[in-house]
Amino acid sequence: MLKTKKSFFERVTGATSIEPDERRESTMPIYAEEEETEMIMNAQPQRSVFVEEENFSSDAEGQLTIDVYQTDTEIVIKSTIAGVKPEDLDVSINNDMVTIKGERKNEEIVNGENYYYQECYWGHFSRSVVLPVDIISDKAEASLKNGILTIRLPKADTTKIKRIQVRGF
């Protein structure tokens, strides 16, 4: 396999596009303009397959897709993390940023040439989110249910005014 610059999709998912050694005839009809029909009919059909790069660099990570929204009292972060055990997840809060790290382990080993498609990301992943408002990190909660990670971050009440007594000496 020739080394070429990875596309954005390949860097995010850890996948690489390859062409199979054996070409198969396509059974799907081809619809095209009359001028292009001859060129298409003479071209050999191709089928792309995405497989994980075998010599995957250890510092590359996949990136989670997330939803971030607010309610009146909290910021909520949700992410689909199917196939990951809660003990394989690390959620940390540092100032105004939440970082989610983990690893999705593939328990089944399949030879790359046996795949038709391999789009799932297996390996280390992480995602950092800058929070739009101040939160109370001591009261943050994270739960994993049905493959969905939900992080609830209570908002700090920054509009509340606290008056203090001035003492004279």
N, C-alpha and C. Protein backbone atom coordinates (compact mmCIF):
# COMPACT_ATOMS: atom_id res chain seq x y z
N MET A 1 0.85 -1.17 0.00
CA MET A 1 0.00 0.00 0.00
C MET A 1 0.89 1.23 0.00
N LEU A 2 0.66 2.17 -0.92
CA LEU A 2 1.42 3.39 -0.99
C LEU A 2 1.00 4.33 0.12
N LYS A 3 1.95 5.04 0.70
CA LYS A 3 1.64 6.01 1.74
C LYS A 3 1.25 7.32 1.07
N THR A 4 0.04 7.79 1.31
CA THR A 4 -0.42 9.07 0.80
C THR A 4 -0.97 9.87 1.96
N LYS A 5 -1.14 11.16 1.75
CA LYS A 5 -1.67 12.02 2.79
C LYS A 5 -3.11 11.60 3.09
N LYS A 6 -3.42 11.47 4.39
CA LYS A 6 -4.75 11.04 4.79
C LYS A 6 -5.76 12.17 4.64
N SER A 7 -6.98 11.81 4.28
CA SER A 7 -8.06 12.78 4.21
C SER A 7 -8.52 13.11 5.62
N PHE A 8 -9.34 14.14 5.74
CA PHE A 8 -9.89 14.52 7.05
C PHE A 8 -10.65 13.34 7.66
N PHE A 9 -11.48 12.68 6.86
CA PHE A 9 -12.26 11.54 7.33
C PHE A 9 -11.34 10.43 7.85
N GLU A 10 -10.27 10.16 7.14
CA GLU A 10 -9.34 9.11 7.54
C GLU A 10 -8.63 9.47 8.84
N ARG A 11 -8.26 10.75 9.02
CA ARG A 11 -7.61 11.16 10.26
C ARG A 11 -8.57 11.07 11.44
N VAL A 12 -9.84 11.46 11.24
CA VAL A 12 -10.81 11.45 12.33
C VAL A 12 -11.19 10.03 12.73
N THR A 13 -11.41 9.16 11.74
CA THR A 13 -11.89 7.82 12.04
C THR A 13 -10.80 6.78 12.16
N GLY A 14 -9.62 7.07 11.63
CA GLY A 14 -8.55 6.09 11.65
C GLY A 14 -8.65 5.09 10.51
N ALA A 15 -9.55 5.33 9.55
CA ALA A 15 -9.73 4.41 8.42
C ALA A 15 -8.85 4.83 7.25
N THR A 16 -8.63 3.90 6.34
CA THR A 16 -7.88 4.17 5.12
C THR A 16 -8.62 3.56 3.96
N SER A 17 -8.69 4.27 2.85
CA SER A 17 -9.37 3.78 1.66
C SER A 17 -8.41 2.89 0.87
N ILE A 18 -8.88 1.67 0.50
CA ILE A 18 -8.07 0.77 -0.31
C ILE A 18 -8.92 0.22 -1.44
N GLU A 19 -8.27 -0.27 -2.44
CA GLU A 19 -8.95 -0.93 -3.54
C GLU A 19 -8.72 -2.43 -3.40
N PRO A 20 -9.76 -3.26 -3.52
CA PRO A 20 -9.57 -4.71 -3.43
C PRO A 20 -8.77 -5.24 -4.61
N ASP A 21 -8.06 -6.34 -4.39
CA ASP A 21 -7.25 -6.93 -5.44
C ASP A 21 -8.11 -7.50 -6.56
N GLU A 22 -9.20 -8.12 -6.20
CA GLU A 22 -10.06 -8.73 -7.21
C GLU A 22 -11.22 -7.81 -7.52
N ARG A 23 -11.41 -7.49 -8.76
CA ARG A 23 -12.52 -6.64 -9.20
C ARG A 23 -13.74 -7.53 -9.40
N ARG A 24 -14.89 -7.04 -8.98
CA ARG A 24 -16.12 -7.80 -9.15
C ARG A 24 -17.04 -7.06 -10.10
N GLU A 25 -17.82 -7.80 -10.86
CA GLU A 25 -18.76 -7.19 -11.78
C GLU A 25 -19.90 -6.57 -10.98
N SER A 26 -20.30 -5.39 -11.38
CA SER A 26 -21.40 -4.71 -10.72
C SER A 26 -22.71 -5.19 -11.33
N THR A 27 -23.70 -5.47 -10.50
CA THR A 27 -25.00 -5.90 -11.00
C THR A 27 -25.99 -4.75 -11.00
N MET A 28 -25.56 -3.57 -10.54
CA MET A 28 -26.45 -2.42 -10.49
C MET A 28 -26.42 -1.72 -11.85
N PRO A 29 -27.58 -1.26 -12.35
CA PRO A 29 -27.61 -0.55 -13.62
C PRO A 29 -26.92 0.81 -13.50
N ILE A 30 -26.35 1.25 -14.61
CA ILE A 30 -25.65 2.53 -14.64
C ILE A 30 -26.49 3.50 -15.44
N TYR A 31 -26.80 4.67 -14.86
CA TYR A 31 -27.55 5.70 -15.55
C TYR A 31 -26.63 6.88 -15.76
N ALA A 32 -26.48 7.33 -16.98
CA ALA A 32 -25.59 8.46 -17.27
C ALA A 32 -26.04 9.13 -18.55
N GLU A 33 -25.43 10.26 -18.82
CA GLU A 33 -25.69 10.97 -20.07
C GLU A 33 -25.20 10.11 -21.23
N GLU A 34 -25.74 10.30 -22.41
CA GLU A 34 -25.39 9.49 -23.56
C GLU A 34 -23.90 9.56 -23.89
N GLU A 35 -23.29 10.75 -23.76
CA GLU A 35 -21.87 10.89 -24.07
C GLU A 35 -20.99 10.11 -23.10
N GLU A 36 -21.42 10.03 -21.85
CA GLU A 36 -20.61 9.37 -20.83
C GLU A 36 -20.84 7.86 -20.79
N THR A 37 -21.91 7.39 -21.40
CA THR A 37 -22.27 5.98 -21.32
C THR A 37 -21.16 5.08 -21.83
N GLU A 38 -20.57 5.41 -22.99
CA GLU A 38 -19.52 4.58 -23.55
C GLU A 38 -18.32 4.51 -22.62
N MET A 39 -17.93 5.65 -22.06
CA MET A 39 -16.79 5.69 -21.16
C MET A 39 -17.07 4.85 -19.90
N ILE A 40 -18.26 4.94 -19.36
CA ILE A 40 -18.60 4.19 -18.16
C ILE A 40 -18.66 2.70 -18.44
N MET A 41 -19.22 2.33 -19.59
CA MET A 41 -19.35 0.91 -19.92
C MET A 41 -17.99 0.26 -20.14
N ASN A 42 -17.01 1.03 -20.62
CA ASN A 42 -15.68 0.50 -20.86
C ASN A 42 -14.80 0.48 -19.60
N ALA A 43 -15.17 1.26 -18.60
CA ALA A 43 -14.37 1.32 -17.37
C ALA A 43 -14.63 0.08 -16.53
N GLN A 44 -13.59 -0.35 -15.84
CA GLN A 44 -13.76 -1.49 -14.95
C GLN A 44 -14.47 -1.02 -13.69
N PRO A 45 -15.45 -1.79 -13.21
CA PRO A 45 -16.14 -1.39 -11.98
C PRO A 45 -15.18 -1.43 -10.80
N GLN A 46 -15.33 -0.49 -9.89
CA GLN A 46 -14.48 -0.42 -8.71
C GLN A 46 -15.35 -0.40 -7.48
N ARG A 47 -14.85 -0.94 -6.42
CA ARG A 47 -15.56 -0.93 -5.15
C ARG A 47 -14.57 -0.53 -4.07
N SER A 48 -14.84 0.55 -3.36
CA SER A 48 -13.94 1.00 -2.30
C SER A 48 -14.30 0.31 -1.00
N VAL A 49 -13.30 0.00 -0.24
CA VAL A 49 -13.48 -0.62 1.06
C VAL A 49 -12.62 0.17 2.05
N PHE A 50 -13.18 0.51 3.21
CA PHE A 50 -12.43 1.20 4.24
C PHE A 50 -11.98 0.18 5.27
N VAL A 51 -10.70 0.12 5.52
CA VAL A 51 -10.17 -0.75 6.57
C VAL A 51 -9.21 0.03 7.42
N GLU A 52 -9.07 -0.41 8.65
CA GLU A 52 -8.15 0.25 9.57
C GLU A 52 -6.72 0.02 9.09
N GLU A 53 -5.93 1.06 9.14
CA GLU A 53 -4.54 0.96 8.73
C GLU A 53 -3.81 0.03 9.68
N GLU A 54 -3.08 -0.95 9.13
CA GLU A 54 -2.45 -1.96 9.96
C GLU A 54 -1.36 -1.39 10.85
N ASN A 55 -0.50 -0.54 10.31
CA ASN A 55 0.55 0.05 11.14
C ASN A 55 0.10 1.43 11.58
N PHE A 56 -0.94 1.46 12.40
CA PHE A 56 -1.58 2.66 12.88
C PHE A 56 -0.68 3.31 13.91
N SER A 57 -0.41 4.62 13.77
CA SER A 57 0.49 5.27 14.71
C SER A 57 -0.17 5.36 16.08
N SER A 58 0.63 5.20 17.11
CA SER A 58 0.11 5.12 18.47
C SER A 58 -0.41 6.45 18.98
N ASP A 59 -0.03 7.57 18.37
CA ASP A 59 -0.48 8.86 18.87
C ASP A 59 -1.75 9.35 18.19
N ALA A 60 -2.25 8.65 17.18
CA ALA A 60 -3.48 9.05 16.50
C ALA A 60 -4.68 8.60 17.32
N GLU A 61 -5.68 9.48 17.40
CA GLU A 61 -6.88 9.16 18.15
C GLU A 61 -8.11 9.49 17.32
N GLY A 62 -9.16 8.74 17.55
CA GLY A 62 -10.44 9.06 16.94
C GLY A 62 -11.08 10.19 17.72
N GLN A 63 -12.07 10.84 17.14
CA GLN A 63 -12.74 11.94 17.80
C GLN A 63 -14.22 11.62 17.93
N LEU A 64 -14.76 11.83 19.12
CA LEU A 64 -16.16 11.54 19.39
C LEU A 64 -17.06 12.59 18.77
N THR A 65 -18.25 12.17 18.38
CA THR A 65 -19.29 13.12 18.00
C THR A 65 -20.09 13.42 19.26
N ILE A 66 -20.48 14.67 19.44
CA ILE A 66 -21.15 15.06 20.68
C ILE A 66 -22.32 15.99 20.40
N ASP A 67 -23.23 16.04 21.35
CA ASP A 67 -24.27 17.06 21.42
C ASP A 67 -24.03 17.81 22.72
N VAL A 68 -24.06 19.13 22.67
CA VAL A 68 -23.94 19.96 23.86
C VAL A 68 -25.12 20.91 23.87
N TYR A 69 -25.89 20.91 24.97
CA TYR A 69 -27.01 21.82 25.07
C TYR A 69 -27.16 22.27 26.52
N GLN A 70 -28.00 23.27 26.71
CA GLN A 70 -28.21 23.79 28.06
C GLN A 70 -29.67 23.73 28.44
N THR A 71 -29.90 23.60 29.73
CA THR A 71 -31.23 23.77 30.31
C THR A 71 -31.11 25.01 31.20
N ASP A 72 -32.14 25.29 31.96
CA ASP A 72 -32.08 26.45 32.85
C ASP A 72 -31.01 26.29 33.92
N THR A 73 -30.73 25.05 34.32
CA THR A 73 -29.84 24.82 35.47
C THR A 73 -28.53 24.11 35.15
N GLU A 74 -28.39 23.58 33.92
CA GLU A 74 -27.19 22.78 33.65
C GLU A 74 -26.80 22.79 32.18
N ILE A 75 -25.54 22.40 31.94
CA ILE A 75 -25.02 22.12 30.60
C ILE A 75 -25.01 20.60 30.48
N VAL A 76 -25.48 20.07 29.34
CA VAL A 76 -25.53 18.63 29.14
C VAL A 76 -24.70 18.28 27.90
N ILE A 77 -23.83 17.28 28.05
CA ILE A 77 -23.02 16.78 26.95
C ILE A 77 -23.42 15.32 26.74
N LYS A 78 -23.78 14.96 25.50
CA LYS A 78 -24.14 13.58 25.18
C LYS A 78 -23.28 13.09 24.03
N SER A 79 -22.91 11.81 24.09
CA SER A 79 -22.11 11.21 23.03
C SER A 79 -22.44 9.73 22.93
N THR A 80 -22.47 9.22 21.71
CA THR A 80 -22.68 7.79 21.52
C THR A 80 -21.32 7.10 21.66
N ILE A 81 -21.25 6.22 22.64
CA ILE A 81 -19.99 5.51 22.91
C ILE A 81 -20.31 4.03 23.06
N ALA A 82 -20.88 3.44 22.03
CA ALA A 82 -21.24 2.03 22.08
C ALA A 82 -19.98 1.17 22.13
N GLY A 83 -20.04 0.10 22.88
CA GLY A 83 -18.93 -0.84 22.93
C GLY A 83 -17.82 -0.46 23.89
N VAL A 84 -18.05 0.54 24.73
CA VAL A 84 -17.04 0.97 25.69
C VAL A 84 -17.57 0.76 27.10
N LYS A 85 -16.77 0.15 27.95
CA LYS A 85 -17.15 -0.06 29.34
C LYS A 85 -16.92 1.22 30.12
N PRO A 86 -17.74 1.48 31.14
CA PRO A 86 -17.57 2.71 31.95
C PRO A 86 -16.16 2.84 32.54
N GLU A 87 -15.55 1.73 32.91
CA GLU A 87 -14.20 1.80 33.50
C GLU A 87 -13.12 2.14 32.46
N ASP A 88 -13.47 2.06 31.16
CA ASP A 88 -12.53 2.43 30.10
C ASP A 88 -12.68 3.89 29.67
N LEU A 89 -13.52 4.65 30.39
CA LEU A 89 -13.74 6.06 30.08
C LEU A 89 -13.10 6.95 31.14
N ASP A 90 -12.57 8.08 30.71
CA ASP A 90 -12.00 9.07 31.61
C ASP A 90 -12.61 10.42 31.25
N VAL A 91 -13.38 10.99 32.18
CA VAL A 91 -13.99 12.31 31.98
C VAL A 91 -13.34 13.25 32.97
N SER A 92 -12.72 14.32 32.46
CA SER A 92 -12.07 15.27 33.36
C SER A 92 -12.54 16.69 33.05
N ILE A 93 -12.59 17.50 34.11
CA ILE A 93 -13.01 18.90 33.98
C ILE A 93 -11.84 19.75 34.46
N ASN A 94 -11.39 20.66 33.58
CA ASN A 94 -10.28 21.53 33.91
C ASN A 94 -10.67 22.96 33.54
N ASN A 95 -10.90 23.80 34.53
CA ASN A 95 -11.35 25.18 34.33
C ASN A 95 -12.63 25.21 33.50
N ASP A 96 -12.56 25.66 32.26
CA ASP A 96 -13.75 25.77 31.42
C ASP A 96 -13.79 24.72 30.31
N MET A 97 -13.11 23.58 30.52
CA MET A 97 -13.03 22.55 29.48
C MET A 97 -13.33 21.17 30.06
N VAL A 98 -14.10 20.39 29.29
CA VAL A 98 -14.38 18.99 29.64
C VAL A 98 -13.67 18.13 28.60
N THR A 99 -12.94 17.10 29.07
CA THR A 99 -12.25 16.19 28.16
C THR A 99 -12.74 14.77 28.42
N ILE A 100 -13.11 14.09 27.34
CA ILE A 100 -13.57 12.71 27.40
C ILE A 100 -12.53 11.87 26.67
N LYS A 101 -11.98 10.87 27.35
CA LYS A 101 -11.00 9.97 26.74
C LYS A 101 -11.42 8.54 27.00
N GLY A 102 -11.03 7.66 26.10
CA GLY A 102 -11.34 6.26 26.29
C GLY A 102 -10.75 5.41 25.18
N GLU A 103 -11.14 4.14 25.22
CA GLU A 103 -10.68 3.21 24.20
C GLU A 103 -11.79 2.23 23.87
N ARG A 104 -12.04 2.07 22.59
CA ARG A 104 -13.01 1.07 22.11
C ARG A 104 -12.20 -0.11 21.62
N LYS A 105 -12.38 -1.26 22.28
CA LYS A 105 -11.58 -2.44 21.97
C LYS A 105 -12.37 -3.39 21.08
N ASN A 106 -11.74 -3.83 20.00
CA ASN A 106 -12.35 -4.81 19.12
C ASN A 106 -11.92 -6.19 19.62
N GLU A 107 -12.86 -6.95 20.12
CA GLU A 107 -12.55 -8.25 20.70
C GLU A 107 -12.40 -9.34 19.66
N GLU A 108 -12.78 -9.07 18.42
CA GLU A 108 -12.70 -10.05 17.35
C GLU A 108 -11.65 -9.61 16.34
N ILE A 109 -10.75 -10.49 15.99
CA ILE A 109 -9.71 -10.17 15.02
C ILE A 109 -10.13 -10.73 13.67
N VAL A 110 -10.23 -9.82 12.68
CA VAL A 110 -10.64 -10.20 11.33
C VAL A 110 -9.56 -9.73 10.37
N ASN A 111 -9.17 -10.59 9.47
CA ASN A 111 -8.18 -10.25 8.46
C ASN A 111 -8.74 -9.12 7.58
N GLY A 112 -7.92 -8.09 7.31
CA GLY A 112 -8.35 -6.92 6.57
C GLY A 112 -8.95 -7.23 5.21
N GLU A 113 -8.46 -8.26 4.52
CA GLU A 113 -8.99 -8.57 3.19
C GLU A 113 -10.36 -9.25 3.24
N ASN A 114 -10.84 -9.63 4.44
CA ASN A 114 -12.16 -10.23 4.58
C ASN A 114 -13.26 -9.20 4.81
N TYR A 115 -12.89 -7.93 5.00
CA TYR A 115 -13.87 -6.88 5.21
C TYR A 115 -14.45 -6.40 3.89
N TYR A 116 -15.73 -6.12 3.87
CA TYR A 116 -16.35 -5.39 2.78
C TYR A 116 -16.33 -3.92 3.13
N TYR A 117 -16.69 -3.59 4.37
CA TYR A 117 -16.63 -2.24 4.90
C TYR A 117 -16.10 -2.30 6.31
N GLN A 118 -15.27 -1.34 6.68
CA GLN A 118 -14.86 -1.20 8.08
C GLN A 118 -14.86 0.29 8.38
N GLU A 119 -15.99 0.76 8.92
CA GLU A 119 -16.16 2.17 9.18
C GLU A 119 -16.14 2.49 10.67
N CYS A 120 -16.31 1.49 11.51
CA CYS A 120 -16.28 1.71 12.96
C CYS A 120 -14.85 1.99 13.39
N TYR A 121 -14.71 2.91 14.33
CA TYR A 121 -13.38 3.25 14.82
C TYR A 121 -13.08 2.38 16.04
N TRP A 122 -11.93 1.72 16.01
CA TRP A 122 -11.47 0.90 17.13
C TRP A 122 -10.15 1.48 17.61
N GLY A 123 -10.06 1.71 18.88
CA GLY A 123 -8.82 2.25 19.44
C GLY A 123 -9.11 3.41 20.36
N HIS A 124 -8.07 4.19 20.65
CA HIS A 124 -8.19 5.32 21.56
C HIS A 124 -8.95 6.46 20.90
N PHE A 125 -9.74 7.17 21.71
CA PHE A 125 -10.46 8.34 21.23
C PHE A 125 -10.47 9.40 22.31
N SER A 126 -10.70 10.63 21.90
CA SER A 126 -10.83 11.72 22.87
C SER A 126 -11.60 12.87 22.25
N ARG A 127 -12.12 13.71 23.11
CA ARG A 127 -12.82 14.91 22.66
C ARG A 127 -12.79 15.91 23.80
N SER A 128 -12.44 17.14 23.50
CA SER A 128 -12.45 18.22 24.47
C SER A 128 -13.50 19.24 24.06
N VAL A 129 -14.20 19.79 25.05
CA VAL A 129 -15.27 20.73 24.81
C VAL A 129 -15.03 21.95 25.70
N VAL A 130 -14.99 23.13 25.09
CA VAL A 130 -14.91 24.36 25.87
C VAL A 130 -16.33 24.71 26.30
N LEU A 131 -16.51 24.92 27.59
CA LEU A 131 -17.84 25.19 28.14
C LEU A 131 -18.22 26.65 27.94
N PRO A 132 -19.48 26.90 27.57
CA PRO A 132 -19.91 28.27 27.29
C PRO A 132 -20.18 29.11 28.54
N VAL A 133 -20.39 28.46 29.69
CA VAL A 133 -20.68 29.17 30.94
C VAL A 133 -19.90 28.52 32.07
N ASP A 134 -19.83 29.22 33.20
CA ASP A 134 -19.19 28.66 34.39
C ASP A 134 -20.06 27.56 34.97
N ILE A 135 -19.40 26.52 35.48
CA ILE A 135 -20.13 25.39 36.06
C ILE A 135 -19.58 25.09 37.45
N ILE A 136 -20.32 24.28 38.19
CA ILE A 136 -19.88 23.80 39.50
C ILE A 136 -19.33 22.39 39.27
N SER A 137 -18.02 22.27 39.13
CA SER A 137 -17.42 20.99 38.75
C SER A 137 -17.57 19.93 39.84
N ASP A 138 -17.68 20.33 41.11
CA ASP A 138 -17.83 19.36 42.20
C ASP A 138 -19.15 18.61 42.13
N LYS A 139 -20.14 19.16 41.46
CA LYS A 139 -21.46 18.53 41.38
C LYS A 139 -21.74 17.90 40.01
N ALA A 140 -20.72 17.79 39.17
CA ALA A 140 -20.88 17.20 37.83
C ALA A 140 -21.13 15.70 37.95
N GLU A 141 -21.93 15.16 37.04
CA GLU A 141 -22.25 13.73 37.02
C GLU A 141 -22.12 13.19 35.60
N ALA A 142 -21.66 11.95 35.50
CA ALA A 142 -21.57 11.28 34.20
C ALA A 142 -22.20 9.90 34.31
N SER A 143 -22.97 9.51 33.30
CA SER A 143 -23.58 8.18 33.29
C SER A 143 -23.52 7.60 31.88
N LEU A 144 -23.48 6.28 31.82
CA LEU A 144 -23.44 5.56 30.54
C LEU A 144 -24.60 4.59 30.52
N LYS A 145 -25.55 4.82 29.61
CA LYS A 145 -26.73 3.96 29.52
C LYS A 145 -27.04 3.71 28.05
N ASN A 146 -27.17 2.42 27.69
CA ASN A 146 -27.49 2.02 26.32
C ASN A 146 -26.52 2.60 25.30
N GLY A 147 -25.23 2.70 25.66
CA GLY A 147 -24.22 3.18 24.74
C GLY A 147 -24.17 4.68 24.58
N ILE A 148 -24.91 5.42 25.43
CA ILE A 148 -24.91 6.88 25.35
C ILE A 148 -24.34 7.44 26.65
N LEU A 149 -23.25 8.19 26.52
CA LEU A 149 -22.64 8.87 27.66
C LEU A 149 -23.35 10.21 27.84
N THR A 150 -23.80 10.47 29.07
CA THR A 150 -24.45 11.74 29.40
C THR A 150 -23.70 12.37 30.55
N ILE A 151 -23.22 13.59 30.33
CA ILE A 151 -22.52 14.35 31.36
C ILE A 151 -23.38 15.55 31.70
N ARG A 152 -23.70 15.69 32.99
CA ARG A 152 -24.52 16.81 33.45
C ARG A 152 -23.66 17.72 34.32
N LEU A 153 -23.58 18.98 33.91
CA LEU A 153 -22.73 19.96 34.58
C LEU A 153 -23.60 21.11 35.09
N PRO A 154 -23.83 21.18 36.42
CA PRO A 154 -24.68 22.27 36.95
C PRO A 154 -24.04 23.64 36.70
N LYS A 155 -24.86 24.57 36.26
CA LYS A 155 -24.37 25.93 36.01
C LYS A 155 -24.10 26.64 37.33
N ALA A 156 -23.04 27.44 37.35
CA ALA A 156 -22.77 28.29 38.50
C ALA A 156 -23.68 29.50 38.40
N ASP A 157 -24.22 29.93 39.51
CA ASP A 157 -25.12 31.08 39.52
C ASP A 157 -24.29 32.36 39.58
N THR A 158 -23.97 32.90 38.41
CA THR A 158 -23.12 34.09 38.35
C THR A 158 -23.92 35.38 38.48
N THR A 159 -25.25 35.28 38.41
CA THR A 159 -26.08 36.48 38.53
C THR A 159 -26.42 36.79 39.98
N LYS A 160 -26.18 35.85 40.86
CA LYS A 160 -26.50 36.03 42.27
C LYS A 160 -25.50 37.00 42.90
N ILE A 161 -25.99 38.00 43.55
CA ILE A 161 -25.14 38.99 44.21
C ILE A 161 -25.06 38.66 45.69
N LYS A 162 -23.84 38.59 46.17
CA LYS A 162 -23.62 38.30 47.58
C LYS A 162 -23.09 39.58 48.24
N ARG A 163 -23.78 40.04 49.24
CA ARG A 163 -23.35 41.24 49.97
C ARG A 163 -22.63 40.79 51.23
N ILE A 164 -21.56 41.48 51.53
CA ILE A 164 -20.81 41.17 52.74
C ILE A 164 -20.75 42.40 53.65
N GLN A 165 -20.67 42.16 54.94
CA GLN A 165 -20.61 43.22 55.93
C GLN A 165 -19.19 43.77 56.02
N VAL A 166 -19.05 45.06 56.02
CA VAL A 166 -17.76 45.71 56.17
C VAL A 166 -17.58 46.04 57.64
N ARG A 167 -16.52 45.53 58.23
CA ARG A 167 -16.26 45.81 59.65
C ARG A 167 -15.19 46.89 59.76
N GLY A 168 -15.36 47.72 60.70
CA GLY A 168 -14.36 48.77 60.95
C GLY A 168 -13.51 48.41 62.17
N PHE A 169 -12.27 48.82 62.18
CA PHE A 169 -11.37 48.55 63.30
C PHE A 169 -11.01 49.79 64.03
